[in-house]
Structure formats: structure tokens, C-alpha cells
Amino acid sequence: MNDKNQSAVRTEDAFDVERVHTWLTEHTDGLPDGLPEVTQFTGGASNLTYLLHYPDTGRELILRRPPAGKKASSAHDMGREYRVQQALKPAFPYVPTVRALCQDPSVIGGDFYVMDKVPGLILRGRLPDGMTLPPAKARALSEAFVDTLTDLHRVDPAAAGLADLGKGTGYVRRQVEGWTRRYAQARTWNTPSFRRVTTWLADHQPEDAATRVIHNDWRLDNLVLDERDLHVTGVLDWEMATLGDPLMDLGSALAYWVQADDDRMTRAARRQPSHLPGMLTRAEIVERYCDRMGLPADNWPFYEVFGLFRLAVIAQQIYYRYHHRQTSNPAFRHLWLAVNYLDHRCRSTLRRTGR
């Protein structure tokens, strides 16, 4: 994880470090005696993530906890996030090793868990200083991006002990209804209704293509890479993992995938280097994925529009907290503009496909 994406803990996100350390010494083997140095990761916009660095030994742990303010009722379940990773680790080795789950509110006021830090490189909007990514390596990285996702989608949920992670068939319908409802609940005066988009999604939804373990937040900046050859060593942020339609997972992932020929507004919102020469395009990713999974791409416009709409809802839920002064994080100030633009992209996709 990149040090440039860490900072001092914001006042509103601070916790009692000594109390956490005391709890950890009782629930984690081999923890040093001295208090850790704590910094906060600044890149995320959902659960809060901290680095606990023990200077005497160099040991590093990651602490995850929910944010304050309005949240979706099913989101930010630390116990669920912890248990998903614990069960999935043997079948999908890229999952971090979780160490302890705290559900005692007297420690920091809510649930949290700790896990080992996954060493390696995380690529964000700009490459690290001095780093270049030739087209051949960029292509290999984008292939790894989609191939690792197919590896996840090939995991047998029952064999991994995750058969009860989701609700079974009807995932597409539940997602369309659920994200439509969440947007209505989080909408503010300065954002659009999305009525045309949600009506189209409701009218054109396909049957579930399959039921698989899905990540639900698959992005390049959630992959940890080996610093030498950029192969994937870890996958982060499992808070929204569930059982569902794998094509919905791919659609959600590609809502973040900005390519070089996208318009200026889309490129300005880029948070991963998917635009570099050699990177697969969204269409190439869809083709590679469907070939590897043996799934049809006939209804791809539906998954594309759903992914963009879902991203708009996530941005709006975060902006809702800022709008109602539940957080003062300045990174969230202009998210309402992104929500308006995503409505435009959804509508443009519908016009382009003639649907």
C-alpha cells in the first residue's frame, strides 16, 4: 500500500489507540508491547482504513471500521466482511489474512477488525514517481485484472463454505430494485432523478446468468501487485462481496475502467491507470471474460448501464453524508457533479445502443 495515500488520522475518524492496542494484545498472537503508530488511508470513500505500524518490530496491521453517518442498512457489516475473507482465503489465496474481529462497542464505539497488511504496490490515478509501464506490461496487467476476476468467479461457493452468503436466484432483480431504492433515499436537491435509467433497467433486466462469489468492488486500485513484475499478490475491500450474477460484477468493475478514447469528463474522474497504451479496452475485457467463463455477452448494454448507475448511487450515498454535514472530508464536496454526469453517461449509452 502506497505511503502517499496515508495521512494523519482525521479528528472525526480518530479512536483510542491505547484501548485498541490493549484489546489486540488479548486477541492477536505475537503483538509487540509498545503502542503502534497510526495513519489513515485517504483513498477510500466507504469503510475507514488505518495502518497500525509497530516501529520496534516493523510489524504492520490494517484496521477496518465503518464510517459515521447515514449508511445503507446492509453495508459496513464488519463481522460479515471478516468472515467472508476468513472462509474464502483457502480457495482464493489473494484474500488478506484476517487476525481478529472486535464486536465490543466499548473499545472504539463500534465493530472493527484487523488483518495483515499485504505488501506490494497499488496503482492509482497516476503511476508512482519514476515508474513507467510499457504497452506490453500494461496489457499483461489488464489481462491479470480480468483473469483474476474469473478465478474468483470460478470458486465453488459451497466448497468454500459460502453457500449462505447470498439469497440465491433473483440477484439481478434484487440489485435493480435495491439500488433504485437506495438512490431515492440518498438523493439531494442538486442531483437528477435517474427515472429514465431505472425504468429502463427494470424493463430490460435479464435472468441471472449464474450464481458465483462476487467481489462487488473490483478495481485496479483494489489489487495489490508485486513491485517487480506486477503480478497480483492480493485483493482488498471485501465489504460488498456476496453470491450473485458474475456479469453484474463485471459491469460494476468496468464502470471504473476509463480508457484513452473516453471523453474529457470521464478521463478527469479516472482513479486507475486503465487509459495507458496497451491496456485492454472495456470491449476487449468483456470478450476475454466471457470467453474464459463461457458466458454470453448478448445483454452487455444492460450490465454496462447498471454498472454506471450503481456507481452513481455509491457516489450519491457518500455525497449525502457530506451534504448533511455527517463528514467534513473535502474529497466528497463535488461528488454531486459526478452523479449528474453519470446520469448523462447512462442516457448516452441507451441512445448509442438504440435501446
Protein backbone atom coordinates (compact mmCIF):
# COMPACT_ATOMS: atom_id res chain seq x y z
CA MET A 1 0.00 0.00 0.00
CA ASN A 2 1.40 3.33 -1.05
CA ASP A 3 2.62 5.67 1.68
CA LYS A 4 1.44 8.66 -0.37
CA ASN A 5 -2.12 7.54 0.26
CA GLN A 6 -1.71 7.69 4.02
CA SER A 7 -2.01 10.71 6.27
CA ALA A 8 -2.50 11.65 9.88
CA VAL A 9 -5.83 10.42 11.25
CA ARG A 10 -8.62 12.96 10.73
CA THR A 11 -10.07 14.23 14.02
CA GLU A 12 -13.55 12.93 13.20
CA ASP A 13 -12.12 9.46 12.44
CA ALA A 14 -9.81 9.13 15.46
CA PHE A 15 -10.05 6.33 18.02
CA ASP A 16 -8.39 5.42 21.33
CA VAL A 17 -5.15 3.79 20.16
CA GLU A 18 -4.19 2.54 23.61
CA ARG A 19 -7.56 0.82 24.10
CA VAL A 20 -7.34 -0.81 20.67
CA HIS A 21 -3.80 -1.99 21.37
CA THR A 22 -4.86 -3.45 24.72
CA TRP A 23 -7.69 -5.35 23.04
CA LEU A 24 -5.40 -6.57 20.26
CA THR A 25 -2.80 -7.94 22.67
CA GLU A 26 -5.52 -10.17 24.11
CA HIS A 27 -6.74 -11.41 20.72
CA THR A 28 -3.69 -11.43 18.42
CA ASP A 29 -0.59 -13.55 18.87
CA GLY A 30 2.89 -12.04 18.92
CA LEU A 31 1.93 -8.40 19.15
CA PRO A 32 4.71 -6.03 20.33
CA ASP A 33 4.34 -4.24 23.68
CA GLY A 34 4.62 -0.64 22.52
CA LEU A 35 1.75 1.34 21.03
CA PRO A 36 1.55 1.41 17.24
CA GLU A 37 1.92 4.47 15.08
CA VAL A 38 -1.44 5.01 13.36
CA THR A 39 -2.04 6.61 9.97
CA GLN A 40 -5.20 6.71 7.88
CA PHE A 41 -5.59 5.68 4.26
CA THR A 42 -7.07 8.53 2.28
CA GLY A 43 -8.08 6.79 -0.95
CA GLY A 44 -11.23 5.03 0.22
CA ALA A 45 -14.67 6.58 0.44
CA SER A 46 -16.55 3.89 2.34
CA ASN A 47 -15.20 1.97 5.32
CA LEU A 48 -12.36 3.69 7.17
CA THR A 49 -8.96 2.00 6.90
CA TYR A 50 -5.91 2.58 9.10
CA LEU A 51 -2.34 1.32 9.21
CA LEU A 52 -1.04 0.21 12.61
CA HIS A 53 2.76 0.28 12.43
CA TYR A 54 4.79 -1.11 15.33
CA PRO A 55 8.17 0.64 14.97
CA ASP A 56 10.19 -1.70 17.21
CA THR A 57 9.46 -4.78 15.10
CA GLY A 58 8.21 -3.34 11.84
CA ARG A 59 5.00 -5.35 12.11
CA GLU A 60 2.07 -3.76 10.31
CA LEU A 61 -1.63 -4.46 10.64
CA ILE A 62 -4.63 -2.95 8.88
CA LEU A 63 -7.68 -1.89 10.90
CA ARG A 64 -11.08 -1.51 9.21
CA ARG A 65 -14.14 0.16 10.71
CA PRO A 66 -17.36 1.75 9.41
CA PRO A 67 -17.75 5.50 8.83
CA ALA A 68 -20.06 7.71 10.83
CA GLY A 69 -23.34 8.98 9.46
CA LYS A 70 -26.06 7.57 7.19
CA LYS A 71 -25.26 4.15 5.71
CA ALA A 72 -27.15 1.57 3.71
CA SER A 73 -28.68 -0.94 6.13
CA SER A 74 -26.76 -3.86 4.64
CA ALA A 75 -23.44 -2.06 4.33
CA HIS A 76 -20.42 -1.82 6.62
CA ASP A 77 -21.01 -5.15 8.40
CA MET A 78 -17.57 -5.79 9.88
CA GLY A 79 -18.46 -9.27 11.08
CA ARG A 80 -19.64 -10.33 7.65
CA GLU A 81 -16.61 -8.79 5.91
CA TYR A 82 -14.30 -10.58 8.32
CA ARG A 83 -15.98 -13.98 7.95
CA VAL A 84 -16.14 -13.79 4.14
CA GLN A 85 -12.37 -13.31 3.94
CA GLN A 86 -11.73 -15.99 6.53
CA ALA A 87 -13.78 -18.56 4.58
CA LEU A 88 -12.63 -17.54 1.09
CA LYS A 89 -8.88 -17.44 1.83
CA PRO A 90 -8.23 -21.20 1.29
CA ALA A 91 -9.97 -21.17 -2.12
CA PHE A 92 -8.79 -17.76 -3.31
CA PRO A 93 -5.30 -17.05 -1.91
CA TYR A 94 -5.34 -13.36 -2.83
CA VAL A 95 -7.57 -12.62 0.17
CA PRO A 96 -5.70 -10.92 3.06
CA THR A 97 -5.16 -12.89 6.26
CA VAL A 98 -7.62 -11.62 8.88
CA ARG A 99 -6.48 -11.74 12.51
CA ALA A 100 -9.19 -10.56 14.90
CA LEU A 101 -12.76 -9.25 14.93
CA CYS A 102 -13.97 -6.92 17.69
CA GLN A 103 -17.70 -6.57 18.28
CA ASP A 104 -17.37 -4.96 21.71
CA PRO A 105 -18.59 -1.34 21.36
CA SER A 106 -16.70 -0.29 24.49
CA VAL A 107 -13.39 -0.43 22.59
CA ILE A 108 -13.97 2.21 19.88
CA GLY A 109 -17.74 2.56 19.80
CA GLY A 110 -18.45 0.01 17.08
CA ASP A 111 -17.22 -3.13 15.33
CA PHE A 112 -13.81 -3.33 13.70
CA TYR A 113 -11.37 -5.98 12.55
CA VAL A 114 -7.66 -6.24 11.87
CA MET A 115 -5.77 -8.10 9.18
CA ASP A 116 -2.22 -8.44 7.95
CA LYS A 117 -1.02 -5.76 5.58
CA VAL A 118 -0.49 -7.18 2.09
CA PRO A 119 2.92 -5.92 0.91
CA GLY A 120 3.17 -4.61 -2.61
CA LEU A 121 2.18 -1.85 -4.97
CA ILE A 122 -1.26 -0.34 -5.56
CA LEU A 123 -1.67 1.64 -8.77
CA ARG A 124 -3.91 4.67 -8.57
CA GLY A 125 -4.65 7.57 -10.88
CA ARG A 126 -1.00 8.34 -11.57
CA LEU A 127 1.91 5.94 -11.68
CA PRO A 128 4.42 6.33 -8.84
CA ASP A 129 7.30 8.74 -9.49
CA GLY A 130 9.90 7.16 -11.73
CA MET A 131 7.70 4.26 -12.80
CA THR A 132 6.91 3.52 -16.44
CA LEU A 133 4.50 0.94 -17.80
CA PRO A 134 5.37 -0.12 -21.36
CA PRO A 135 2.43 -1.26 -23.52
CA ALA A 136 3.29 -4.96 -23.21
CA LYS A 137 3.30 -4.74 -19.40
CA ALA A 138 0.13 -2.64 -19.41
CA ARG A 139 -1.60 -5.29 -21.50
CA ALA A 140 -0.40 -8.07 -19.19
CA LEU A 141 -1.65 -6.14 -16.17
CA SER A 142 -5.08 -5.57 -17.70
CA GLU A 143 -5.25 -9.26 -18.59
CA ALA A 144 -4.41 -10.12 -14.99
CA PHE A 145 -7.15 -7.73 -13.89
CA VAL A 146 -9.81 -9.74 -15.75
CA ASP A 147 -8.23 -13.18 -15.31
CA THR A 148 -8.05 -12.84 -11.53
CA LEU A 149 -11.72 -11.87 -11.52
CA THR A 150 -12.57 -15.02 -13.46
CA ASP A 151 -10.52 -17.02 -10.94
CA LEU A 152 -12.76 -15.63 -8.20
CA HIS A 153 -15.92 -16.34 -10.17
CA ARG A 154 -14.85 -19.95 -10.61
CA VAL A 155 -14.72 -20.58 -6.86
CA ASP A 156 -17.34 -23.11 -5.74
CA PRO A 157 -19.36 -21.24 -3.07
CA ALA A 158 -20.44 -24.43 -1.30
CA ALA A 159 -16.91 -25.85 -1.19
CA ALA A 160 -15.66 -22.56 0.28
CA GLY A 161 -18.33 -22.63 2.99
CA LEU A 162 -20.07 -19.60 1.50
CA ALA A 163 -23.29 -21.16 0.19
CA ASP A 164 -25.31 -18.94 2.53
CA LEU A 165 -23.52 -15.71 1.58
CA GLY A 166 -26.32 -14.56 -0.72
CA LYS A 167 -30.02 -15.08 -1.32
CA GLY A 168 -29.76 -17.24 -4.45
CA THR A 169 -31.55 -16.68 -7.75
CA GLY A 170 -33.21 -13.35 -8.44
CA TYR A 171 -29.98 -11.41 -7.88
CA VAL A 172 -30.42 -9.16 -10.93
CA ARG A 173 -33.94 -8.18 -9.90
CA ARG A 174 -32.92 -7.52 -6.28
CA GLN A 175 -29.99 -5.36 -7.40
CA VAL A 176 -32.07 -3.21 -9.72
CA GLU A 177 -34.75 -2.73 -7.07
CA GLY A 178 -32.25 -2.24 -4.24
CA TRP A 179 -30.01 0.32 -5.94
CA THR A 180 -33.06 2.22 -7.23
CA ARG A 181 -34.39 2.42 -3.67
CA ARG A 182 -31.02 3.45 -2.24
CA TYR A 183 -30.69 6.28 -4.72
CA ALA A 184 -34.14 7.62 -3.87
CA GLN A 185 -33.28 7.56 -0.17
CA ALA A 186 -29.96 9.38 -0.66
CA ARG A 187 -30.97 11.86 -3.37
CA THR A 188 -30.35 15.55 -2.70
CA TRP A 189 -31.85 18.59 -4.40
CA ASN A 190 -28.89 19.03 -6.75
CA THR A 191 -28.91 15.55 -8.31
CA PRO A 192 -31.13 14.03 -11.06
CA SER A 193 -33.99 11.57 -10.63
CA PHE A 194 -32.48 8.80 -12.83
CA ARG A 195 -36.09 7.88 -13.58
CA ARG A 196 -35.47 7.06 -17.25
CA VAL A 197 -32.46 4.90 -16.37
CA THR A 198 -34.11 2.97 -13.56
CA THR A 199 -37.26 2.40 -15.61
CA TRP A 200 -35.15 1.01 -18.46
CA LEU A 201 -33.19 -1.25 -16.11
CA ALA A 202 -36.41 -2.60 -14.60
CA ASP A 203 -37.89 -3.25 -18.06
CA HIS A 204 -34.80 -4.88 -19.62
CA GLN A 205 -33.30 -7.00 -16.84
CA PRO A 206 -32.20 -10.49 -17.91
CA GLU A 207 -32.36 -13.65 -15.85
CA ASP A 208 -29.32 -14.39 -13.68
CA ALA A 209 -26.51 -15.72 -15.87
CA ALA A 210 -25.07 -17.76 -12.95
CA THR A 211 -24.58 -17.59 -9.19
CA ARG A 212 -20.98 -17.13 -8.08
CA VAL A 213 -18.91 -15.49 -5.35
CA ILE A 214 -18.61 -11.87 -6.50
CA HIS A 215 -16.43 -9.09 -5.12
CA ASN A 216 -18.71 -6.13 -6.00
CA ASP A 217 -15.89 -3.56 -5.92
CA TRP A 218 -13.38 -4.96 -8.43
CA ARG A 219 -10.97 -2.18 -9.40
CA LEU A 220 -7.27 -1.93 -10.23
CA ASP A 221 -6.73 0.09 -7.07
CA ASN A 222 -8.12 -2.80 -5.01
CA LEU A 223 -5.42 -5.11 -6.38
CA VAL A 224 -2.03 -5.37 -4.67
CA LEU A 225 0.79 -6.05 -7.14
CA ASP A 226 4.29 -7.44 -6.87
CA GLU A 227 6.61 -4.46 -7.34
CA ARG A 228 8.92 -6.33 -9.74
CA ASP A 229 6.66 -7.95 -12.32
CA LEU A 230 3.22 -6.58 -11.34
CA HIS A 231 1.56 -9.96 -10.83
CA VAL A 232 -1.39 -9.87 -8.42
CA THR A 233 -0.49 -10.67 -4.80
CA GLY A 234 -3.65 -9.53 -3.03
CA VAL A 235 -7.22 -8.30 -3.44
CA LEU A 236 -8.62 -5.78 -0.96
CA ASP A 237 -12.02 -4.38 0.14
CA TRP A 238 -14.38 -7.34 0.52
CA GLU A 239 -17.16 -5.43 2.28
CA MET A 240 -19.69 -5.90 -0.55
CA ALA A 241 -18.79 -9.49 -1.51
CA THR A 242 -21.78 -11.78 -1.93
CA LEU A 243 -23.24 -14.53 -4.11
CA GLY A 244 -24.64 -13.14 -7.32
CA ASP A 245 -24.53 -12.82 -11.08
CA PRO A 246 -20.88 -12.59 -12.20
CA LEU A 247 -21.79 -10.42 -15.20
CA MET A 248 -23.18 -7.84 -12.76
CA ASP A 249 -19.78 -7.89 -11.02
CA LEU A 250 -18.02 -7.29 -14.33
CA GLY A 251 -20.43 -4.48 -15.24
CA SER A 252 -19.75 -2.79 -11.92
CA ALA A 253 -16.00 -3.18 -12.38
CA LEU A 254 -15.97 -1.65 -15.85
CA ALA A 255 -17.87 1.42 -14.67
CA TYR A 256 -14.50 2.45 -13.20
CA TRP A 257 -12.46 1.42 -16.27
CA VAL A 258 -11.54 4.63 -18.10
CA GLN A 259 -9.90 4.16 -21.48
CA ALA A 260 -7.84 6.55 -23.58
CA ASP A 261 -10.62 7.47 -26.03
CA ASP A 262 -13.20 8.35 -23.38
CA ASP A 263 -14.45 11.93 -23.18
CA ARG A 264 -12.72 14.57 -21.10
CA MET A 265 -15.09 14.36 -18.14
CA THR A 266 -14.69 10.60 -17.85
CA ARG A 267 -10.90 10.87 -18.11
CA ALA A 268 -10.89 13.59 -15.44
CA ALA A 269 -12.58 11.19 -12.99
CA ARG A 270 -10.05 8.41 -13.61
CA ARG A 271 -8.66 6.79 -10.45
CA GLN A 272 -6.64 3.97 -12.02
CA PRO A 273 -4.17 3.90 -14.96
CA SER A 274 -6.50 1.96 -17.26
CA HIS A 275 -6.00 4.55 -20.01
CA LEU A 276 -2.35 3.75 -20.71
CA PRO A 277 -1.24 2.41 -24.11
CA GLY A 278 -1.54 -1.37 -24.18
CA MET A 279 -4.39 -1.62 -21.68
CA LEU A 280 -7.37 -3.68 -22.83
CA THR A 281 -10.46 -1.68 -23.71
CA ARG A 282 -13.76 -2.35 -21.95
CA ALA A 283 -14.97 -4.28 -25.02
CA GLU A 284 -11.82 -6.42 -25.03
CA ILE A 285 -12.22 -7.15 -21.33
CA VAL A 286 -15.82 -8.25 -21.84
CA GLU A 287 -14.79 -10.53 -24.71
CA ARG A 288 -11.90 -12.08 -22.75
CA TYR A 289 -14.01 -12.56 -19.64
CA CYS A 290 -16.95 -14.16 -21.42
CA ASP A 291 -14.64 -16.48 -23.35
CA ARG A 292 -12.96 -17.64 -20.14
CA MET A 293 -16.23 -18.02 -18.22
CA GLY A 294 -18.30 -19.46 -21.06
CA LEU A 295 -20.98 -16.81 -20.60
CA PRO A 296 -22.83 -14.89 -23.34
CA ALA A 297 -22.35 -11.15 -23.84
CA ASP A 298 -25.64 -10.63 -25.67
CA ASN A 299 -27.13 -8.40 -22.97
CA TRP A 300 -23.98 -6.42 -22.25
CA PRO A 301 -25.64 -2.95 -22.56
CA PHE A 302 -27.79 -3.84 -19.53
CA TYR A 303 -24.74 -4.66 -17.37
CA GLU A 304 -22.94 -1.55 -18.62
CA VAL A 305 -25.81 0.77 -17.72
CA PHE A 306 -26.35 -0.97 -14.40
CA GLY A 307 -22.66 -0.54 -13.51
CA LEU A 308 -22.76 3.19 -14.25
CA PHE A 309 -26.00 3.66 -12.30
CA ARG A 310 -24.67 1.69 -9.34
CA LEU A 311 -21.54 3.86 -9.32
CA ALA A 312 -23.78 6.94 -9.28
CA VAL A 313 -25.67 5.60 -6.26
CA ILE A 314 -22.43 4.89 -4.39
CA ALA A 315 -21.21 8.44 -5.10
CA GLN A 316 -24.58 9.88 -4.04
CA GLN A 317 -24.63 7.93 -0.77
CA ILE A 318 -21.19 9.32 0.05
CA TYR A 319 -22.18 12.82 -1.01
CA TYR A 320 -25.33 12.58 1.15
CA ARG A 321 -23.11 12.32 4.22
CA TYR A 322 -21.15 15.42 3.17
CA HIS A 323 -24.30 17.34 2.19
CA HIS A 324 -25.83 16.72 5.62
CA ARG A 325 -22.57 17.51 7.46
CA GLN A 326 -22.06 13.97 8.70
CA THR A 327 -18.48 14.20 7.39
CA SER A 328 -16.26 17.16 6.56
CA ASN A 329 -13.96 15.26 4.18
CA PRO A 330 -13.33 17.77 1.35
CA ALA A 331 -12.83 14.94 -1.16
CA PHE A 332 -16.61 14.43 -1.15
CA ARG A 333 -17.59 18.06 -1.82
CA HIS A 334 -18.16 17.81 -5.57
CA LEU A 335 -19.48 14.27 -5.87
CA TRP A 336 -22.90 15.65 -6.82
CA LEU A 337 -21.35 16.74 -10.12
CA ALA A 338 -20.16 13.19 -10.74
CA VAL A 339 -23.67 11.90 -10.07
CA ASN A 340 -25.13 14.27 -12.66
CA TYR A 341 -22.50 13.24 -15.18
CA LEU A 342 -23.12 9.52 -14.61
CA ASP A 343 -26.80 10.11 -15.40
CA HIS A 344 -25.64 11.63 -18.69
CA ARG A 345 -23.41 8.62 -19.40
CA CYS A 346 -26.24 6.19 -18.71
CA ARG A 347 -28.54 8.05 -21.08
CA SER A 348 -25.82 8.26 -23.74
CA THR A 349 -25.29 4.50 -23.52
CA LEU A 350 -29.00 3.90 -24.02
CA ARG A 351 -29.02 6.18 -27.09
CA ARG A 352 -25.87 4.56 -28.50
CA THR A 353 -27.26 1.06 -28.22
CA GLY A 354 -30.68 2.07 -29.52
CA ARG A 355 -32.43 0.51 -26.53
